[in-house]
Structures are given as C-alpha cells and as structure tokens.
Amino acid sequence: MNALYLTNRTLSFRTDLPTPQPAAGEALIRVRLAGICATDLEMVRGYYPFDGIPGHEFVGEVVRADDAPQWEGRRVVGEINTTCGTCAQCQNGRPTHCENRTVLGILGRDGAFAEYLTLPIANLHAVPDEVSDEHAVFTEPLAAALEIQQQVHVHPSDRVLVVGAGRLGQLIAWTLALTGCDLAVVARHEPQRTLLAKRGIHTLAEEEVPHWGMDVVVEATGSPTGFALAKYAVRPRGVMVLKSTYAGELRLDVSRLVVDEVTVVGSRCGPFAPALRHLHKGLIDPSDLIATRYPLEKGLEAFQKAAQPGVLKVLLHR
C-alpha cells in the first residue's frame, strides 16, 4: 500500500508497505481523508521518537471487521488511544493514560497517512450521514478543543484568552465562544483574525494583552513566546491550559507560577461523541479551516505547505 513513512525524523512516500492486518477485535479501515496537524509537524522535527506511518486525524470506511461485521461499509472516525483495560490507569477511569497504550500515528501504532489503518472496534464512532467527510475529519481536533471544558469549568462571566489562532486554536476559540464567556484571541495573521471576526470573536495583538487580566488562558502556539505571554496574562489564582506539544524543552520560571498560585492544566485528547454532535447540529462548521487538499502521493508537498506560517488545515486524500 501507499503511505507516508517517518524514520529518523525524515518523512518519505512509500509504495511498498503491506496492508495492515487487523488483530482480534480490530477493524481494517480505508482512509478517505486525513488531516495534518501541529503534532505531525512537530514529530518530523523530533518532538517524539516515532518510526512508522504518522497521522491521527481521519475519516474512513470499515472494509473488514471479522468480530463485528455490522461495522463493515460504515463511515467512521476513531479515537486514537488504544488501551489495555487492565492497568491501574485504565481500571481507575483514565484510559487515555493507559500504561500500555499505543497511539495512532504517534506511539507504537501506524497511523492515517496511508491507504489503510487498523483500530479496535471499541475506538470507532459512526459518522452521521449528514456530516460530510470534510467535516468529519475534524472530529479528533474538535474533541481535543472540547476537552478544555471537560477539565475546566468556564463560566459565562470569565475573562478567557486563547493564545494562538492556528488550526487547533481556532477550534478552541469557536467552542469556548459557545459558553458565552468574555473571550479574546491572540492572532498574528490576518486570515486568522478574519475567521474569528466572522464568528464575533474579539482579537488582540500581543502588545494589547493585559497583565493579570484573564481568569483562564489557553496556550495553543507550541512556542516559548506563547507560553510566556499566557503566563503574563493569567491572573493570580487563575488557570493556564496548555494545549500544545513542544519539540525540545521549555524553560520557565516556576517560582512565578507558585507565587501567583496559578493552576496549570495539561490538556490532550478529548471526547469524540460530543464533537460529532457539534458537527451534526451545525454548532461548529470547520469548512473555513481547510486550506487545501493533496493526494496522498503528494504528501511531502502537503507537509511543506502545512508548515508555512498562517496555513490552516491541509488534508490528504487517496
């Protein structure tokens, strides 16, 4: 099968890879669309030592599910963490932190930048007929955006700042706007500001961010300067949500967080079912985030495009 393959921080297009064979309880899925995200770009830069097929945002069609044939032929999205169900984290209700987990396209499991992938049937979510492939492919990042509200109670009276208005930052801002909070977003590029203004979301330049002015700050840039700005903005006893992956180490003044009694929340994967409901009900329409599409065989060009400043979602198709 054809696929993008990452090894030693070098991405290549391969035509000689075997079609994966689903294990017991798994499904073989033909990938229809896959999205390139910041984590994929960071992995090429060395964020995580992974050799294999990257990619974790996808919509596909089940072509084989021996243990659950009723899934065959259905359009699906899939949760990216494969868990054991028996370790202490799984047994205590934290399966996304399973001690033995694999993660689609990130850790121990080939991902979605290929013609086919495999996932446990338990990870699959059927896509409603009314939700297009172009919308469904955003389920995973939309779920990640919604995870913030799973972790932090955002009140309508809260002053909330999102630092970063890229692919994920937009979805975070759009979902937070639904809470009615007093929301602002730091956006560097005019197209980003245009998308936010279209949804009535206020934007700030970096120099306009008030010191100690925000109850909740979400850092979504993946850069040290973004982290520093978020720390500058959050009030004493406020909340900082880190929604970024960083290549390398981040230097920070921990004492300032201690003195200001800031709560720091790491935030990663999120709930798929609510994300699909948001898409199905039209609460979130991600169409404006699609920058362009490339066929899989031009995946290296697609990665170059996605890495350009200000470019939003680049999709791969068969």
C-alpha atoms as a PDB file:
ATOM      1  CA  MET A   1       0.000   0.000   0.000  1.00  0.00           C
ATOM      2  CA  ASN A   2       0.985   3.661  -0.355  1.00  0.00           C
ATOM      3  CA  ALA A   3       1.792   5.669   2.761  1.00  0.00           C
ATOM      4  CA  LEU A   4       3.936   8.410   4.236  1.00  0.00           C
ATOM      5  CA  TYR A   5       6.652   6.923   6.439  1.00  0.00           C
ATOM      6  CA  LEU A   6       8.653   8.665   9.157  1.00  0.00           C
ATOM      7  CA  THR A   7      12.039   7.377  10.279  1.00  0.00           C
ATOM      8  CA  ASN A   8      14.943   9.235  11.863  1.00  0.00           C
ATOM      9  CA  ARG A   9      12.974  12.487  11.547  1.00  0.00           C
ATOM     10  CA  THR A  10      12.796  12.008   7.764  1.00  0.00           C
ATOM     11  CA  LEU A  11       9.435  11.715   6.026  1.00  0.00           C
ATOM     12  CA  SER A  12       9.200   9.756   2.770  1.00  0.00           C
ATOM     13  CA  PHE A  13       6.492   8.468   0.447  1.00  0.00           C
ATOM     14  CA  ARG A  14       6.456   4.664   0.249  1.00  0.00           C
ATOM     15  CA  THR A  15       4.657   2.409  -2.232  1.00  0.00           C
ATOM     16  CA  ASP A  16       5.876  -0.935  -0.878  1.00  0.00           C
ATOM     17  CA  LEU A  17       4.252  -1.204   2.549  1.00  0.00           C
ATOM     18  CA  PRO A  18       1.979  -4.154   3.351  1.00  0.00           C
ATOM     19  CA  THR A  19      -1.695  -3.542   4.001  1.00  0.00           C
ATOM     20  CA  PRO A  20      -2.123  -3.901   7.779  1.00  0.00           C
ATOM     21  CA  GLN A  21      -3.971  -6.925   9.097  1.00  0.00           C
ATOM     22  CA  PRO A  22      -6.459  -6.262  11.917  1.00  0.00           C
ATOM     23  CA  ALA A  23      -5.912  -8.165  15.151  1.00  0.00           C
ATOM     24  CA  ALA A  24      -8.782  -9.752  17.082  1.00  0.00           C
ATOM     25  CA  GLY A  25     -11.336  -7.098  17.970  1.00  0.00           C
ATOM     26  CA  GLU A  26      -9.990  -4.659  15.399  1.00  0.00           C
ATOM     27  CA  ALA A  27     -11.213  -3.279  12.085  1.00  0.00           C
ATOM     28  CA  LEU A  28      -9.429  -2.576   8.830  1.00  0.00           C
ATOM     29  CA  ILE A  29     -10.302   0.938   7.686  1.00  0.00           C
ATOM     30  CA  ARG A  30      -9.823   2.514   4.284  1.00  0.00           C
ATOM     31  CA  VAL A  31      -8.788   6.121   4.854  1.00  0.00           C
ATOM     32  CA  ARG A  32     -10.928   8.644   2.966  1.00  0.00           C
ATOM     33  CA  LEU A  33      -9.448  11.888   4.313  1.00  0.00           C
ATOM     34  CA  ALA A  34      -6.695  12.666   6.807  1.00  0.00           C
ATOM     35  CA  GLY A  35      -5.596  15.979   8.283  1.00  0.00           C
ATOM     36  CA  ILE A  36      -2.106  17.279   9.045  1.00  0.00           C
ATOM     37  CA  CYS A  37      -1.872  18.886  12.485  1.00  0.00           C
ATOM     38  CA  ALA A  38       0.814  20.633  14.532  1.00  0.00           C
ATOM     39  CA  THR A  39       1.722  17.408  16.322  1.00  0.00           C
ATOM     40  CA  ASP A  40       2.518  15.750  12.982  1.00  0.00           C
ATOM     41  CA  LEU A  41       4.773  18.664  12.057  1.00  0.00           C
ATOM     42  CA  GLU A  42       6.472  18.573  15.459  1.00  0.00           C
ATOM     43  CA  MET A  43       7.097  14.834  15.131  1.00  0.00           C
ATOM     44  CA  VAL A  44       9.051  15.426  11.942  1.00  0.00           C
ATOM     45  CA  ARG A  45      11.081  17.973  13.909  1.00  0.00           C
ATOM     46  CA  GLY A  46      11.769  15.425  16.643  1.00  0.00           C
ATOM     47  CA  TYR A  47       9.021  16.013  19.199  1.00  0.00           C
ATOM     48  CA  TYR A  48       8.615  12.276  19.782  1.00  0.00           C
ATOM     49  CA  PRO A  49      10.790   9.335  18.708  1.00  0.00           C
ATOM     50  CA  PHE A  50       8.448   7.565  16.290  1.00  0.00           C
ATOM     51  CA  ASP A  51       9.243   5.339  13.322  1.00  0.00           C
ATOM     52  CA  GLY A  52       6.275   4.404  11.189  1.00  0.00           C
ATOM     53  CA  ILE A  53       3.247   5.932   9.466  1.00  0.00           C
ATOM     54  CA  PRO A  54       2.172   9.184  11.165  1.00  0.00           C
ATOM     55  CA  GLY A  55      -1.269  10.779  11.149  1.00  0.00           C
ATOM     56  CA  HIS A  56      -4.183  10.559  13.606  1.00  0.00           C
ATOM     57  CA  GLU A  57      -6.932  12.820  12.231  1.00  0.00           C
ATOM     58  CA  PHE A  58      -9.020  10.839   9.761  1.00  0.00           C
ATOM     59  CA  VAL A  59     -12.362   9.745   8.440  1.00  0.00           C
ATOM     60  CA  GLY A  60     -12.568   6.349   6.770  1.00  0.00           C
ATOM     61  CA  GLU A  61     -14.680   3.371   5.804  1.00  0.00           C
ATOM     62  CA  VAL A  62     -14.592  -0.007   7.519  1.00  0.00           C
ATOM     63  CA  VAL A  63     -13.730  -2.673   4.957  1.00  0.00           C
ATOM     64  CA  ARG A  64     -13.216  -5.600   7.321  1.00  0.00           C
ATOM     65  CA  ALA A  65     -14.305  -6.302  10.893  1.00  0.00           C
ATOM     66  CA  ASP A  66     -14.383 -10.045  11.493  1.00  0.00           C
ATOM     67  CA  ASP A  67     -15.615  -9.712  15.096  1.00  0.00           C
ATOM     68  CA  ALA A  68     -18.258  -7.088  14.288  1.00  0.00           C
ATOM     69  CA  PRO A  69     -19.338  -7.381  10.643  1.00  0.00           C
ATOM     70  CA  GLN A  70     -22.140  -4.874  11.223  1.00  0.00           C
ATOM     71  CA  TRP A  71     -19.455  -2.160  11.053  1.00  0.00           C
ATOM     72  CA  GLU A  72     -18.374  -3.107   7.535  1.00  0.00           C
ATOM     73  CA  GLY A  73     -19.202  -0.430   4.990  1.00  0.00           C
ATOM     74  CA  ARG A  74     -19.777   2.280   7.601  1.00  0.00           C
ATOM     75  CA  ARG A  75     -18.028   5.652   7.634  1.00  0.00           C
ATOM     76  CA  VAL A  76     -16.145   6.097  10.870  1.00  0.00           C
ATOM     77  CA  VAL A  77     -13.776   8.239  12.864  1.00  0.00           C
ATOM     78  CA  GLY A  78     -11.652   6.692  15.570  1.00  0.00           C
ATOM     79  CA  GLU A  79     -10.285   7.546  18.995  1.00  0.00           C
ATOM     80  CA  ILE A  80      -6.525   7.438  18.751  1.00  0.00           C
ATOM     81  CA  ASN A  81      -5.565   5.803  22.074  1.00  0.00           C
ATOM     82  CA  THR A  82      -5.594   2.005  22.127  1.00  0.00           C
ATOM     83  CA  THR A  83      -5.718   0.805  25.724  1.00  0.00           C
ATOM     84  CA  CYS A  84      -5.214  -2.442  27.629  1.00  0.00           C
ATOM     85  CA  GLY A  85      -8.153  -2.126  30.039  1.00  0.00           C
ATOM     86  CA  THR A  86      -6.259  -3.851  32.842  1.00  0.00           C
ATOM     87  CA  CYS A  87      -3.550  -1.463  34.104  1.00  0.00           C
ATOM     88  CA  ALA A  88      -4.071   0.826  37.095  1.00  0.00           C
ATOM     89  CA  GLN A  89      -4.822   3.855  34.911  1.00  0.00           C
ATOM     90  CA  CYS A  90      -7.461   2.011  32.888  1.00  0.00           C
ATOM     91  CA  GLN A  91      -9.013   0.483  35.995  1.00  0.00           C
ATOM     92  CA  ASN A  92      -9.240   3.920  37.632  1.00  0.00           C
ATOM     93  CA  GLY A  93     -11.018   5.628  34.756  1.00  0.00           C
ATOM     94  CA  ARG A  94      -8.018   7.167  32.984  1.00  0.00           C
ATOM     95  CA  PRO A  95      -7.764   5.072  29.802  1.00  0.00           C
ATOM     96  CA  THR A  96      -6.112   7.813  27.741  1.00  0.00           C
ATOM     97  CA  HIS A  97      -3.185   7.438  30.161  1.00  0.00           C
ATOM     98  CA  CYS A  98      -3.059   3.650  29.861  1.00  0.00           C
ATOM     99  CA  GLU A  99       0.373   2.380  30.876  1.00  0.00           C
ATOM    100  CA  ASN A 100       0.424   0.060  27.845  1.00  0.00           C
ATOM    101  CA  ARG A 101      -1.316   2.239  25.293  1.00  0.00           C
ATOM    102  CA  THR A 102      -0.479   2.718  21.669  1.00  0.00           C
ATOM    103  CA  VAL A 103      -1.455   5.947  19.934  1.00  0.00           C
ATOM    104  CA  LEU A 104      -2.453   6.122  16.286  1.00  0.00           C
ATOM    105  CA  GLY A 105       0.405   7.577  14.263  1.00  0.00           C
ATOM    106  CA  ILE A 106       2.250   8.728  17.396  1.00  0.00           C
ATOM    107  CA  LEU A 107       3.228   5.795  19.619  1.00  0.00           C
ATOM    108  CA  GLY A 108       3.570   2.152  18.627  1.00  0.00           C
ATOM    109  CA  ARG A 109       0.800   2.127  16.003  1.00  0.00           C
ATOM    110  CA  ASP A 110       0.879   3.107  12.337  1.00  0.00           C
ATOM    111  CA  GLY A 111      -1.403   5.990  11.526  1.00  0.00           C
ATOM    112  CA  ALA A 112      -3.655   7.620   8.976  1.00  0.00           C
ATOM    113  CA  PHE A 113      -1.313   8.949   6.282  1.00  0.00           C
ATOM    114  CA  ALA A 114      -1.828   5.721   4.371  1.00  0.00           C
ATOM    115  CA  GLU A 115      -4.434   3.945   2.308  1.00  0.00           C
ATOM    116  CA  TYR A 116      -5.446   1.750   5.264  1.00  0.00           C
ATOM    117  CA  LEU A 117      -5.154   1.655   9.045  1.00  0.00           C
ATOM    118  CA  THR A 118      -6.375  -0.588  11.867  1.00  0.00           C
ATOM    119  CA  LEU A 119      -8.070   0.321  15.137  1.00  0.00           C
ATOM    120  CA  PRO A 120     -10.037  -1.555  17.791  1.00  0.00           C
ATOM    121  CA  ILE A 121     -13.748  -1.642  17.062  1.00  0.00           C
ATOM    122  CA  ALA A 122     -14.269  -0.142  20.531  1.00  0.00           C
ATOM    123  CA  ASN A 123     -12.479   3.012  19.326  1.00  0.00           C
ATOM    124  CA  LEU A 124     -14.803   3.618  16.385  1.00  0.00           C
ATOM    125  CA  HIS A 125     -17.594   6.166  16.105  1.00  0.00           C
ATOM    126  CA  ALA A 126     -20.050   6.083  13.218  1.00  0.00           C
ATOM    127  CA  VAL A 127     -20.276   9.312  11.254  1.00  0.00           C
ATOM    128  CA  PRO A 128     -23.864  10.548  10.688  1.00  0.00           C
ATOM    129  CA  ASP A 129     -24.899  10.640   7.041  1.00  0.00           C
ATOM    130  CA  GLU A 130     -25.451  14.392   7.276  1.00  0.00           C
ATOM    131  CA  VAL A 131     -21.813  15.033   8.258  1.00  0.00           C
ATOM    132  CA  SER A 132     -19.505  15.257   5.242  1.00  0.00           C
ATOM    133  CA  ASP A 133     -16.027  13.757   5.105  1.00  0.00           C
ATOM    134  CA  GLU A 134     -14.616  17.295   5.075  1.00  0.00           C
ATOM    135  CA  HIS A 135     -16.326  17.967   8.416  1.00  0.00           C
ATOM    136  CA  ALA A 136     -15.837  14.533   9.961  1.00  0.00           C
ATOM    137  CA  VAL A 137     -12.066  14.674   9.528  1.00  0.00           C
ATOM    138  CA  PHE A 138     -12.076  17.447  12.152  1.00  0.00           C
ATOM    139  CA  THR A 139     -13.611  15.205  14.839  1.00  0.00           C
ATOM    140  CA  GLU A 140     -10.322  14.473  16.618  1.00  0.00           C
ATOM    141  CA  PRO A 141      -9.092  18.093  16.893  1.00  0.00           C
ATOM    142  CA  LEU A 142     -12.596  19.292  17.768  1.00  0.00           C
ATOM    143  CA  ALA A 143     -12.685  16.700  20.550  1.00  0.00           C
ATOM    144  CA  ALA A 144      -9.320  17.992  21.744  1.00  0.00           C
ATOM    145  CA  ALA A 145     -10.748  21.519  21.844  1.00  0.00           C
ATOM    146  CA  LEU A 146     -13.783  20.357  23.834  1.00  0.00           C
ATOM    147  CA  GLU A 147     -11.541  18.593  26.344  1.00  0.00           C
ATOM    148  CA  ILE A 148     -10.774  22.001  27.863  1.00  0.00           C
ATOM    149  CA  GLN A 149     -14.365  22.287  29.027  1.00  0.00           C
ATOM    150  CA  GLN A 150     -14.180  18.742  30.401  1.00  0.00           C
ATOM    151  CA  GLN A 151     -11.284  19.844  32.608  1.00  0.00           C
ATOM    152  CA  VAL A 152     -12.049  23.490  33.435  1.00  0.00           C
ATOM    153  CA  HIS A 153     -15.424  24.972  34.333  1.00  0.00           C
ATOM    154  CA  VAL A 154     -15.615  28.040  32.093  1.00  0.00           C
ATOM    155  CA  HIS A 155     -18.200  30.469  33.466  1.00  0.00           C
ATOM    156  CA  PRO A 156     -20.054  32.982  31.282  1.00  0.00           C
ATOM    157  CA  SER A 157     -18.525  35.756  33.405  1.00  0.00           C
ATOM    158  CA  ASP A 158     -14.934  34.530  32.951  1.00  0.00           C
ATOM    159  CA  ARG A 159     -12.370  36.533  31.016  1.00  0.00           C
ATOM    160  CA  VAL A 160     -10.772  33.963  28.730  1.00  0.00           C
ATOM    161  CA  LEU A 161      -7.796  34.343  26.404  1.00  0.00           C
ATOM    162  CA  VAL A 162      -6.627  31.920  23.711  1.00  0.00           C
ATOM    163  CA  VAL A 163      -3.012  32.467  22.690  1.00  0.00           C
ATOM    164  CA  GLY A 164      -2.655  31.210  19.141  1.00  0.00           C
ATOM    165  CA  ALA A 165      -5.193  31.090  16.312  1.00  0.00           C
ATOM    166  CA  GLY A 166      -3.923  28.277  14.150  1.00  0.00           C
ATOM    167  CA  ARG A 167      -5.644  25.003  13.299  1.00  0.00           C
ATOM    168  CA  LEU A 168      -6.419  23.967  16.863  1.00  0.00           C
ATOM    169  CA  GLY A 169      -6.572  27.482  18.292  1.00  0.00           C
ATOM    170  CA  GLN A 170      -9.491  28.333  16.009  1.00  0.00           C
ATOM    171  CA  LEU A 171     -11.498  25.304  17.141  1.00  0.00           C
ATOM    172  CA  ILE A 172     -10.703  26.090  20.775  1.00  0.00           C
ATOM    173  CA  ALA A 173     -11.915  29.653  20.338  1.00  0.00           C
ATOM    174  CA  TRP A 174     -15.069  28.619  18.472  1.00  0.00           C
ATOM    175  CA  THR A 175     -16.054  26.110  21.168  1.00  0.00           C
ATOM    176  CA  LEU A 176     -15.258  28.479  24.027  1.00  0.00           C
ATOM    177  CA  ALA A 177     -17.390  31.170  22.361  1.00  0.00           C
ATOM    178  CA  LEU A 178     -20.391  28.862  22.786  1.00  0.00           C
ATOM    179  CA  THR A 179     -20.055  29.210  26.593  1.00  0.00           C
ATOM    180  CA  GLY A 180     -20.795  32.940  26.454  1.00  0.00           C
ATOM    181  CA  CYS A 181     -17.544  33.825  28.230  1.00  0.00           C
ATOM    182  CA  ASP A 182     -15.712  37.133  27.686  1.00  0.00           C
ATOM    183  CA  LEU A 183     -13.358  35.745  25.037  1.00  0.00           C
ATOM    184  CA  ALA A 184     -10.354  37.176  23.224  1.00  0.00           C
ATOM    185  CA  VAL A 185      -7.764  35.521  20.983  1.00  0.00           C
ATOM    186  CA  VAL A 186      -4.196  36.489  20.153  1.00  0.00           C
ATOM    187  CA  ALA A 187      -3.931  36.048  16.377  1.00  0.00           C
ATOM    188  CA  ARG A 188      -0.870  37.034  14.344  1.00  0.00           C
ATOM    189  CA  HIS A 189      -2.141  36.557  10.800  1.00  0.00           C
ATOM    190  CA  GLU A 190      -4.921  38.485   9.070  1.00  0.00           C
ATOM    191  CA  PRO A 191      -6.726  35.369   7.730  1.00  0.00           C
ATOM    192  CA  GLN A 192      -6.880  34.049  11.291  1.00  0.00           C
ATOM    193  CA  ARG A 193      -8.372  37.314  12.525  1.00  0.00           C
ATOM    194  CA  THR A 194     -10.890  37.278   9.681  1.00  0.00           C
ATOM    195  CA  LEU A 195     -12.131  33.806  10.642  1.00  0.00           C
ATOM    196  CA  LEU A 196     -12.546  34.850  14.262  1.00  0.00           C
ATOM    197  CA  ALA A 197     -14.297  38.111  13.372  1.00  0.00           C
ATOM    198  CA  LYS A 198     -16.728  36.135  11.210  1.00  0.00           C
ATOM    199  CA  ARG A 199     -17.821  34.409  14.429  1.00  0.00           C
ATOM    200  CA  GLY A 200     -17.909  37.596  16.501  1.00  0.00           C
ATOM    201  CA  ILE A 201     -14.737  36.725  18.426  1.00  0.00           C
ATOM    202  CA  HIS A 202     -12.528  39.608  19.552  1.00  0.00           C
ATOM    203  CA  THR A 203      -8.820  39.501  18.711  1.00  0.00           C
ATOM    204  CA  LEU A 204      -5.837  41.150  20.378  1.00  0.00           C
ATOM    205  CA  ALA A 205      -2.321  41.961  19.293  1.00  0.00           C
ATOM    206  CA  GLU A 206       0.347  40.604  21.622  1.00  0.00           C
ATOM    207  CA  GLU A 207       1.135  44.075  22.984  1.00  0.00           C
ATOM    208  CA  GLU A 208      -2.548  44.579  23.858  1.00  0.00           C
ATOM    209  CA  VAL A 209      -2.728  41.588  26.215  1.00  0.00           C
ATOM    210  CA  PRO A 210      -3.340  42.860  29.763  1.00  0.00           C
ATOM    211  CA  HIS A 211      -1.066  41.766  32.584  1.00  0.00           C
ATOM    212  CA  TRP A 212      -3.001  39.635  35.107  1.00  0.00           C
ATOM    213  CA  GLY A 213      -6.114  40.355  33.041  1.00  0.00           C
ATOM    214  CA  MET A 214      -7.520  36.880  32.416  1.00  0.00           C
ATOM    215  CA  ASP A 215      -9.223  34.233  34.536  1.00  0.00           C
ATOM    216  CA  VAL A 216      -8.439  31.414  32.075  1.00  0.00           C
ATOM    217  CA  VAL A 217      -5.693  31.396  29.445  1.00  0.00           C
ATOM    218  CA  VAL A 218      -5.291  28.656  26.833  1.00  0.00           C
ATOM    219  CA  GLU A 219      -1.818  28.364  25.285  1.00  0.00           C
ATOM    220  CA  ALA A 220      -2.133  26.916  21.783  1.00  0.00           C
ATOM    221  CA  THR A 221       1.011  28.108  19.980  1.00  0.00           C
ATOM    222  CA  GLY A 222       3.517  25.427  20.965  1.00  0.00           C
ATOM    223  CA  SER A 223       6.171  28.141  21.298  1.00  0.00           C
ATOM    224  CA  PRO A 224       8.090  29.506  24.323  1.00  0.00           C
ATOM    225  CA  THR A 225       6.929  33.034  23.478  1.00  0.00           C
ATOM    226  CA  GLY A 226       3.312  31.873  23.525  1.00  0.00           C
ATOM    227  CA  PHE A 227       3.813  30.273  26.922  1.00  0.00           C
ATOM    228  CA  ALA A 228       5.425  33.455  28.258  1.00  0.00           C
ATOM    229  CA  LEU A 229       2.507  35.554  27.007  1.00  0.00           C
ATOM    230  CA  ALA A 230      -0.022  33.182  28.567  1.00  0.00           C
ATOM    231  CA  LYS A 231       1.788  33.362  31.907  1.00  0.00           C
ATOM    232  CA  TYR A 232       1.848  37.159  31.644  1.00  0.00           C
ATOM    233  CA  ALA A 233      -1.907  37.305  31.034  1.00  0.00           C
ATOM    234  CA  VAL A 234      -3.250  34.909  33.660  1.00  0.00           C
ATOM    235  CA  ARG A 235      -4.315  36.494  36.938  1.00  0.00           C
ATOM    236  CA  PRO A 236      -3.233  35.234  40.359  1.00  0.00           C
ATOM    237  CA  ARG A 237      -5.119  32.023  41.149  1.00  0.00           C
ATOM    238  CA  GLY A 238      -6.185  31.822  37.527  1.00  0.00           C
ATOM    239  CA  VAL A 239      -5.919  28.818  35.226  1.00  0.00           C
ATOM    240  CA  MET A 240      -3.469  28.163  32.399  1.00  0.00           C
ATOM    241  CA  VAL A 241      -4.394  25.381  29.986  1.00  0.00           C
ATOM    242  CA  LEU A 242      -1.523  24.014  27.915  1.00  0.00           C
ATOM    243  CA  LYS A 243      -2.880  22.749  24.627  1.00  0.00           C
ATOM    244  CA  SER A 244       0.446  22.472  22.828  1.00  0.00           C
ATOM    245  CA  THR A 245       3.141  19.966  22.029  1.00  0.00           C
ATOM    246  CA  TYR A 246       6.705  21.210  22.217  1.00  0.00           C
ATOM    247  CA  ALA A 247       9.792  19.877  20.449  1.00  0.00           C
ATOM    248  CA  GLY A 248      12.622  20.017  22.973  1.00  0.00           C
ATOM    249  CA  GLU A 249      12.472  21.527  26.433  1.00  0.00           C
ATOM    250  CA  LEU A 250      10.642  24.605  27.624  1.00  0.00           C
ATOM    251  CA  ARG A 251      12.435  26.902  30.058  1.00  0.00           C
ATOM    252  CA  LEU A 252      10.182  28.626  32.553  1.00  0.00           C
ATOM    253  CA  ASP A 253      10.209  30.481  35.855  1.00  0.00           C
ATOM    254  CA  VAL A 254       8.276  28.055  38.041  1.00  0.00           C
ATOM    255  CA  SER A 255       8.562  30.356  41.062  1.00  0.00           C
ATOM    256  CA  ARG A 256       6.275  32.900  39.366  1.00  0.00           C
ATOM    257  CA  LEU A 257       3.594  30.257  38.939  1.00  0.00           C
ATOM    258  CA  VAL A 258       3.963  29.321  42.609  1.00  0.00           C
ATOM    259  CA  VAL A 259       3.851  32.887  43.902  1.00  0.00           C
ATOM    260  CA  ASP A 260       0.792  33.688  41.767  1.00  0.00           C
ATOM    261  CA  GLU A 261      -0.814  30.335  42.720  1.00  0.00           C
ATOM    262  CA  VAL A 262      -1.634  29.594  39.090  1.00  0.00           C
ATOM    263  CA  THR A 263      -3.283  26.287  38.245  1.00  0.00           C
ATOM    264  CA  VAL A 264      -1.591  24.717  35.216  1.00  0.00           C
ATOM    265  CA  VAL A 265      -3.644  22.139  33.311  1.00  0.00           C
ATOM    266  CA  GLY A 266      -2.210  19.894  30.627  1.00  0.00           C
ATOM    267  CA  SER A 267      -4.833  19.057  28.010  1.00  0.00           C
ATOM    268  CA  ARG A 268      -4.618  16.430  25.296  1.00  0.00           C
ATOM    269  CA  CYS A 269      -7.259  14.154  23.765  1.00  0.00           C
ATOM    270  CA  GLY A 270     -10.970  14.757  24.126  1.00  0.00           C
ATOM    271  CA  PRO A 271     -14.480  13.262  23.780  1.00  0.00           C
ATOM    272  CA  PHE A 272     -15.481  12.150  20.279  1.00  0.00           C
ATOM    273  CA  ALA A 273     -19.231  11.800  20.817  1.00  0.00           C
ATOM    274  CA  PRO A 274     -19.778  15.484  21.742  1.00  0.00           C
ATOM    275  CA  ALA A 275     -17.522  16.531  18.877  1.00  0.00           C
ATOM    276  CA  LEU A 276     -19.666  14.602  16.394  1.00  0.00           C
ATOM    277  CA  ARG A 277     -22.816  16.127  17.935  1.00  0.00           C
ATOM    278  CA  HIS A 278     -21.394  19.625  17.444  1.00  0.00           C
ATOM    279  CA  LEU A 279     -20.715  18.812  13.799  1.00  0.00           C
ATOM    280  CA  HIS A 280     -24.078  17.123  13.266  1.00  0.00           C
ATOM    281  CA  LYS A 281     -26.028  20.024  14.795  1.00  0.00           C
ATOM    282  CA  GLY A 282     -24.054  22.636  12.895  1.00  0.00           C
ATOM    283  CA  LEU A 283     -22.723  24.236  16.072  1.00  0.00           C
ATOM    284  CA  ILE A 284     -19.240  24.070  14.574  1.00  0.00           C
ATOM    285  CA  ASP A 285     -18.627  24.327  10.828  1.00  0.00           C
ATOM    286  CA  PRO A 286     -14.920  23.727  10.155  1.00  0.00           C
ATOM    287  CA  SER A 287     -15.102  24.300   6.388  1.00  0.00           C
ATOM    288  CA  ASP A 288     -13.280  27.635   6.640  1.00  0.00           C
ATOM    289  CA  LEU A 289     -10.273  25.917   8.186  1.00  0.00           C
ATOM    290  CA  ILE A 290      -9.476  23.875   5.071  1.00  0.00           C
ATOM    291  CA  ALA A 291      -6.566  25.498   3.281  1.00  0.00           C
ATOM    292  CA  THR A 292      -6.086  22.897   0.529  1.00  0.00           C
ATOM    293  CA  ARG A 293      -6.117  19.186  -0.311  1.00  0.00           C
ATOM    294  CA  TYR A 294      -3.382  16.977  -1.692  1.00  0.00           C
ATOM    295  CA  PRO A 295      -3.445  13.381  -2.928  1.00  0.00           C
ATOM    296  CA  LEU A 296      -1.523  11.009  -0.685  1.00  0.00           C
ATOM    297  CA  GLU A 297       1.257  10.602  -3.237  1.00  0.00           C
ATOM    298  CA  LYS A 298       1.977  14.324  -2.890  1.00  0.00           C
ATOM    299  CA  GLY A 299       2.117  14.092   0.891  1.00  0.00           C
ATOM    300  CA  LEU A 300       5.622  15.553   1.121  1.00  0.00           C
ATOM    301  CA  GLU A 301       4.408  18.690  -0.664  1.00  0.00           C
ATOM    302  CA  ALA A 302       1.421  18.753   1.672  1.00  0.00           C
ATOM    303  CA  PHE A 303       3.701  18.761   4.721  1.00  0.00           C
ATOM    304  CA  GLN A 304       5.727  21.627   3.277  1.00  0.00           C
ATOM    305  CA  LYS A 305       2.521  23.578   2.720  1.00  0.00           C
ATOM    306  CA  ALA A 306       1.193  22.831   6.227  1.00  0.00           C
ATOM    307  CA  ALA A 307       4.461  24.045   7.778  1.00  0.00           C
ATOM    308  CA  GLN A 308       4.161  27.513   6.252  1.00  0.00           C
ATOM    309  CA  PRO A 309       3.202  30.283   8.729  1.00  0.00           C
ATOM    310  CA  GLY A 310      -0.503  31.018   8.861  1.00  0.00           C
ATOM    311  CA  VAL A 311      -1.584  27.975   6.827  1.00  0.00           C
ATOM    312  CA  LEU A 312      -4.563  26.222   8.368  1.00  0.00           C
ATOM    313  CA  LYS A 313      -5.707  22.654   7.699  1.00  0.00           C
ATOM    314  CA  VAL A 314      -4.106  20.678   4.887  1.00  0.00           C
ATOM    315  CA  LEU A 315      -5.936  17.453   4.011  1.00  0.00           C
ATOM    316  CA  LEU A 316      -4.686  14.287   2.342  1.00  0.00           C
ATOM    317  CA  HIS A 317      -6.937  12.122   0.183  1.00  0.00           C
ATOM    318  CA  ARG A 318      -6.488   8.917  -1.792  1.00  0.00           C
END
